[in-house]
Protein backbone atom coordinates (compact mmCIF):
# COMPACT_ATOMS: atom_id res chain seq x y z
CA UNK A 1 0.00 0.00 0.00
CA UNK A 2 1.26 3.47 -0.92
CA UNK A 3 1.88 6.06 1.85
CA UNK A 4 -0.71 8.35 0.29
CA UNK A 5 -3.27 5.51 0.40
CA UNK A 6 -2.76 5.18 4.17
CA UNK A 7 -3.03 8.85 5.21
CA UNK A 8 -6.36 10.06 3.82
CA UNK A 9 -6.82 13.56 5.29
CA UNK A 10 -6.19 15.62 8.43
CA UNK A 11 -8.88 15.88 11.09
CA UNK A 12 -9.85 19.48 11.85
CA UNK A 13 -11.54 19.64 15.25
CA UNK A 14 -11.05 21.62 18.45
CA UNK A 15 -9.28 18.73 20.12
CA UNK A 16 -6.99 18.29 17.12
CA UNK A 17 -6.14 22.03 17.13
CA UNK A 18 -5.22 21.82 20.83
CA UNK A 19 -2.60 19.15 20.06
CA UNK A 20 -0.73 21.13 17.39
CA UNK A 21 1.53 23.08 19.83
CA UNK A 22 2.44 19.74 21.46
CA UNK A 23 3.40 18.24 18.05
CA UNK A 24 0.39 15.94 18.19
CA UNK A 25 -1.42 15.66 14.84
CA UNK A 26 -4.65 13.85 13.98
CA UNK A 27 -5.32 12.13 10.66
CA UNK A 28 -8.10 10.08 9.09
CA UNK A 29 -6.39 6.89 7.89
CA UNK A 30 -7.16 3.73 5.96
CA UNK A 31 -9.15 1.28 8.10
CA UNK A 32 -6.86 -1.64 7.28
CA UNK A 33 -3.61 0.18 8.17
CA UNK A 34 -1.81 -0.67 11.41
CA UNK A 35 0.30 1.59 13.64
CA UNK A 36 3.60 0.66 12.03
CA UNK A 37 2.32 1.43 8.53
CA UNK A 38 0.86 4.75 9.72
CA UNK A 39 4.17 5.72 11.35
CA UNK A 40 6.15 4.91 8.20
CA UNK A 41 3.65 6.79 6.00
CA UNK A 42 3.80 9.98 8.10
CA UNK A 43 7.61 9.86 8.21
CA UNK A 44 7.77 9.36 4.43
CA UNK A 45 5.21 12.04 3.47
CA UNK A 46 6.18 14.83 5.86
CA UNK A 47 9.85 14.04 6.55
CA UNK A 48 9.51 14.00 10.36
CA UNK A 49 10.37 11.47 13.08
CA UNK A 50 7.39 9.92 14.88
CA UNK A 51 7.50 8.98 18.55
CA UNK A 52 4.19 7.12 18.80
CA UNK A 53 0.86 6.48 17.08
CA UNK A 54 -2.50 6.03 18.80
CA UNK A 55 -5.44 4.77 16.76
CA UNK A 56 -9.19 4.61 17.32
CA UNK A 57 -11.96 3.10 15.22
CA UNK A 58 -14.80 5.63 14.95
CA UNK A 59 -18.31 4.27 14.53
CA UNK A 60 -20.74 5.80 12.05
CA UNK A 61 -23.25 8.18 13.62
CA UNK A 62 -26.99 7.97 13.11
CA UNK A 63 -28.22 10.83 10.94
CA UNK A 64 -31.83 11.69 10.21
CA UNK A 65 -33.46 13.85 7.58
CA UNK A 66 -37.21 13.82 7.92
CA UNK A 67 -38.44 10.23 8.03
CA UNK A 68 -35.29 8.87 6.43
CA UNK A 69 -32.40 7.79 8.60
CA UNK A 70 -29.03 6.22 8.01
CA UNK A 71 -25.50 6.00 9.34
CA UNK A 72 -22.43 7.97 8.32
CA UNK A 73 -19.47 5.87 7.26
CA UNK A 74 -17.13 4.49 9.89
CA UNK A 75 -13.43 5.32 9.77
CA UNK A 76 -10.12 5.00 11.59
CA UNK A 77 -8.48 8.00 13.24
CA UNK A 78 -4.78 8.17 14.13
CA UNK A 79 -3.18 10.59 16.60
CA UNK A 80 0.52 10.92 15.72
CA UNK A 81 2.96 12.34 18.28
CA UNK A 82 6.31 13.58 16.97
CA UNK A 83 9.62 13.46 18.82
CA UNK A 84 10.77 16.63 20.62
CA UNK A 85 13.75 17.18 18.30
CA UNK A 86 11.67 16.61 15.15
CA UNK A 87 10.58 19.50 12.98
CA UNK A 88 6.89 20.40 12.90
CA UNK A 89 4.59 19.71 9.96
CA UNK A 90 4.29 22.95 7.94
CA UNK A 91 0.64 22.38 6.97
CA UNK A 92 -0.50 22.47 10.59
CA UNK A 93 1.79 25.35 11.62
CA UNK A 94 -0.25 27.80 9.55
CA UNK A 95 -3.39 26.75 11.46
CA UNK A 96 -2.21 27.31 15.03
C-alpha atoms as a PDB file:
ATOM      1  CA  UNK A   1       0.000   0.000   0.000  1.00  0.00           C
ATOM      2  CA  UNK A   2       1.260   3.469  -0.920  1.00  0.00           C
ATOM      3  CA  UNK A   3       1.884   6.059   1.850  1.00  0.00           C
ATOM      4  CA  UNK A   4      -0.713   8.346   0.287  1.00  0.00           C
ATOM      5  CA  UNK A   5      -3.273   5.506   0.397  1.00  0.00           C
ATOM      6  CA  UNK A   6      -2.758   5.184   4.173  1.00  0.00           C
ATOM      7  CA  UNK A   7      -3.026   8.854   5.208  1.00  0.00           C
ATOM      8  CA  UNK A   8      -6.362  10.057   3.821  1.00  0.00           C
ATOM      9  CA  UNK A   9      -6.821  13.556   5.292  1.00  0.00           C
ATOM     10  CA  UNK A  10      -6.189  15.618   8.425  1.00  0.00           C
ATOM     11  CA  UNK A  11      -8.879  15.880  11.085  1.00  0.00           C
ATOM     12  CA  UNK A  12      -9.854  19.479  11.848  1.00  0.00           C
ATOM     13  CA  UNK A  13     -11.540  19.635  15.252  1.00  0.00           C
ATOM     14  CA  UNK A  14     -11.050  21.623  18.453  1.00  0.00           C
ATOM     15  CA  UNK A  15      -9.279  18.735  20.124  1.00  0.00           C
ATOM     16  CA  UNK A  16      -6.987  18.294  17.115  1.00  0.00           C
ATOM     17  CA  UNK A  17      -6.140  22.029  17.131  1.00  0.00           C
ATOM     18  CA  UNK A  18      -5.220  21.824  20.831  1.00  0.00           C
ATOM     19  CA  UNK A  19      -2.602  19.151  20.059  1.00  0.00           C
ATOM     20  CA  UNK A  20      -0.734  21.135  17.393  1.00  0.00           C
ATOM     21  CA  UNK A  21       1.528  23.080  19.832  1.00  0.00           C
ATOM     22  CA  UNK A  22       2.443  19.742  21.464  1.00  0.00           C
ATOM     23  CA  UNK A  23       3.402  18.245  18.055  1.00  0.00           C
ATOM     24  CA  UNK A  24       0.387  15.941  18.191  1.00  0.00           C
ATOM     25  CA  UNK A  25      -1.418  15.663  14.843  1.00  0.00           C
ATOM     26  CA  UNK A  26      -4.647  13.847  13.977  1.00  0.00           C
ATOM     27  CA  UNK A  27      -5.324  12.126  10.656  1.00  0.00           C
ATOM     28  CA  UNK A  28      -8.100  10.084   9.088  1.00  0.00           C
ATOM     29  CA  UNK A  29      -6.390   6.892   7.893  1.00  0.00           C
ATOM     30  CA  UNK A  30      -7.163   3.731   5.964  1.00  0.00           C
ATOM     31  CA  UNK A  31      -9.153   1.283   8.101  1.00  0.00           C
ATOM     32  CA  UNK A  32      -6.855  -1.638   7.277  1.00  0.00           C
ATOM     33  CA  UNK A  33      -3.609   0.182   8.173  1.00  0.00           C
ATOM     34  CA  UNK A  34      -1.810  -0.671  11.413  1.00  0.00           C
ATOM     35  CA  UNK A  35       0.299   1.595  13.641  1.00  0.00           C
ATOM     36  CA  UNK A  36       3.604   0.658  12.034  1.00  0.00           C
ATOM     37  CA  UNK A  37       2.316   1.426   8.530  1.00  0.00           C
ATOM     38  CA  UNK A  38       0.859   4.750   9.716  1.00  0.00           C
ATOM     39  CA  UNK A  39       4.168   5.719  11.346  1.00  0.00           C
ATOM     40  CA  UNK A  40       6.147   4.912   8.202  1.00  0.00           C
ATOM     41  CA  UNK A  41       3.653   6.790   5.996  1.00  0.00           C
ATOM     42  CA  UNK A  42       3.801   9.980   8.102  1.00  0.00           C
ATOM     43  CA  UNK A  43       7.605   9.864   8.209  1.00  0.00           C
ATOM     44  CA  UNK A  44       7.774   9.363   4.432  1.00  0.00           C
ATOM     45  CA  UNK A  45       5.213  12.035   3.465  1.00  0.00           C
ATOM     46  CA  UNK A  46       6.181  14.831   5.861  1.00  0.00           C
ATOM     47  CA  UNK A  47       9.853  14.040   6.552  1.00  0.00           C
ATOM     48  CA  UNK A  48       9.513  14.000  10.360  1.00  0.00           C
ATOM     49  CA  UNK A  49      10.368  11.471  13.080  1.00  0.00           C
ATOM     50  CA  UNK A  50       7.392   9.924  14.885  1.00  0.00           C
ATOM     51  CA  UNK A  51       7.503   8.976  18.553  1.00  0.00           C
ATOM     52  CA  UNK A  52       4.186   7.120  18.801  1.00  0.00           C
ATOM     53  CA  UNK A  53       0.859   6.485  17.083  1.00  0.00           C
ATOM     54  CA  UNK A  54      -2.495   6.028  18.797  1.00  0.00           C
ATOM     55  CA  UNK A  55      -5.442   4.769  16.756  1.00  0.00           C
ATOM     56  CA  UNK A  56      -9.186   4.613  17.316  1.00  0.00           C
ATOM     57  CA  UNK A  57     -11.965   3.102  15.218  1.00  0.00           C
ATOM     58  CA  UNK A  58     -14.801   5.629  14.948  1.00  0.00           C
ATOM     59  CA  UNK A  59     -18.315   4.269  14.526  1.00  0.00           C
ATOM     60  CA  UNK A  60     -20.743   5.799  12.054  1.00  0.00           C
ATOM     61  CA  UNK A  61     -23.254   8.184  13.616  1.00  0.00           C
ATOM     62  CA  UNK A  62     -26.993   7.965  13.109  1.00  0.00           C
ATOM     63  CA  UNK A  63     -28.218  10.834  10.938  1.00  0.00           C
ATOM     64  CA  UNK A  64     -31.834  11.689  10.211  1.00  0.00           C
ATOM     65  CA  UNK A  65     -33.465  13.848   7.585  1.00  0.00           C
ATOM     66  CA  UNK A  66     -37.209  13.821   7.921  1.00  0.00           C
ATOM     67  CA  UNK A  67     -38.440  10.234   8.028  1.00  0.00           C
ATOM     68  CA  UNK A  68     -35.287   8.871   6.431  1.00  0.00           C
ATOM     69  CA  UNK A  69     -32.400   7.795   8.597  1.00  0.00           C
ATOM     70  CA  UNK A  70     -29.029   6.220   8.014  1.00  0.00           C
ATOM     71  CA  UNK A  71     -25.500   5.995   9.338  1.00  0.00           C
ATOM     72  CA  UNK A  72     -22.432   7.971   8.322  1.00  0.00           C
ATOM     73  CA  UNK A  73     -19.466   5.874   7.260  1.00  0.00           C
ATOM     74  CA  UNK A  74     -17.128   4.486   9.890  1.00  0.00           C
ATOM     75  CA  UNK A  75     -13.428   5.323   9.765  1.00  0.00           C
ATOM     76  CA  UNK A  76     -10.123   4.998  11.593  1.00  0.00           C
ATOM     77  CA  UNK A  77      -8.476   7.997  13.245  1.00  0.00           C
ATOM     78  CA  UNK A  78      -4.776   8.174  14.134  1.00  0.00           C
ATOM     79  CA  UNK A  79      -3.176  10.594  16.605  1.00  0.00           C
ATOM     80  CA  UNK A  80       0.516  10.918  15.720  1.00  0.00           C
ATOM     81  CA  UNK A  81       2.962  12.340  18.277  1.00  0.00           C
ATOM     82  CA  UNK A  82       6.310  13.581  16.973  1.00  0.00           C
ATOM     83  CA  UNK A  83       9.620  13.463  18.817  1.00  0.00           C
ATOM     84  CA  UNK A  84      10.774  16.628  20.617  1.00  0.00           C
ATOM     85  CA  UNK A  85      13.746  17.181  18.305  1.00  0.00           C
ATOM     86  CA  UNK A  86      11.669  16.611  15.152  1.00  0.00           C
ATOM     87  CA  UNK A  87      10.578  19.499  12.982  1.00  0.00           C
ATOM     88  CA  UNK A  88       6.889  20.400  12.903  1.00  0.00           C
ATOM     89  CA  UNK A  89       4.585  19.711   9.961  1.00  0.00           C
ATOM     90  CA  UNK A  90       4.286  22.947   7.942  1.00  0.00           C
ATOM     91  CA  UNK A  91       0.638  22.383   6.967  1.00  0.00           C
ATOM     92  CA  UNK A  92      -0.497  22.468  10.587  1.00  0.00           C
ATOM     93  CA  UNK A  93       1.788  25.349  11.620  1.00  0.00           C
ATOM     94  CA  UNK A  94      -0.253  27.799   9.554  1.00  0.00           C
ATOM     95  CA  UNK A  95      -3.393  26.752  11.460  1.00  0.00           C
ATOM     96  CA  UNK A  96      -2.208  27.306  15.030  1.00  0.00           C
END
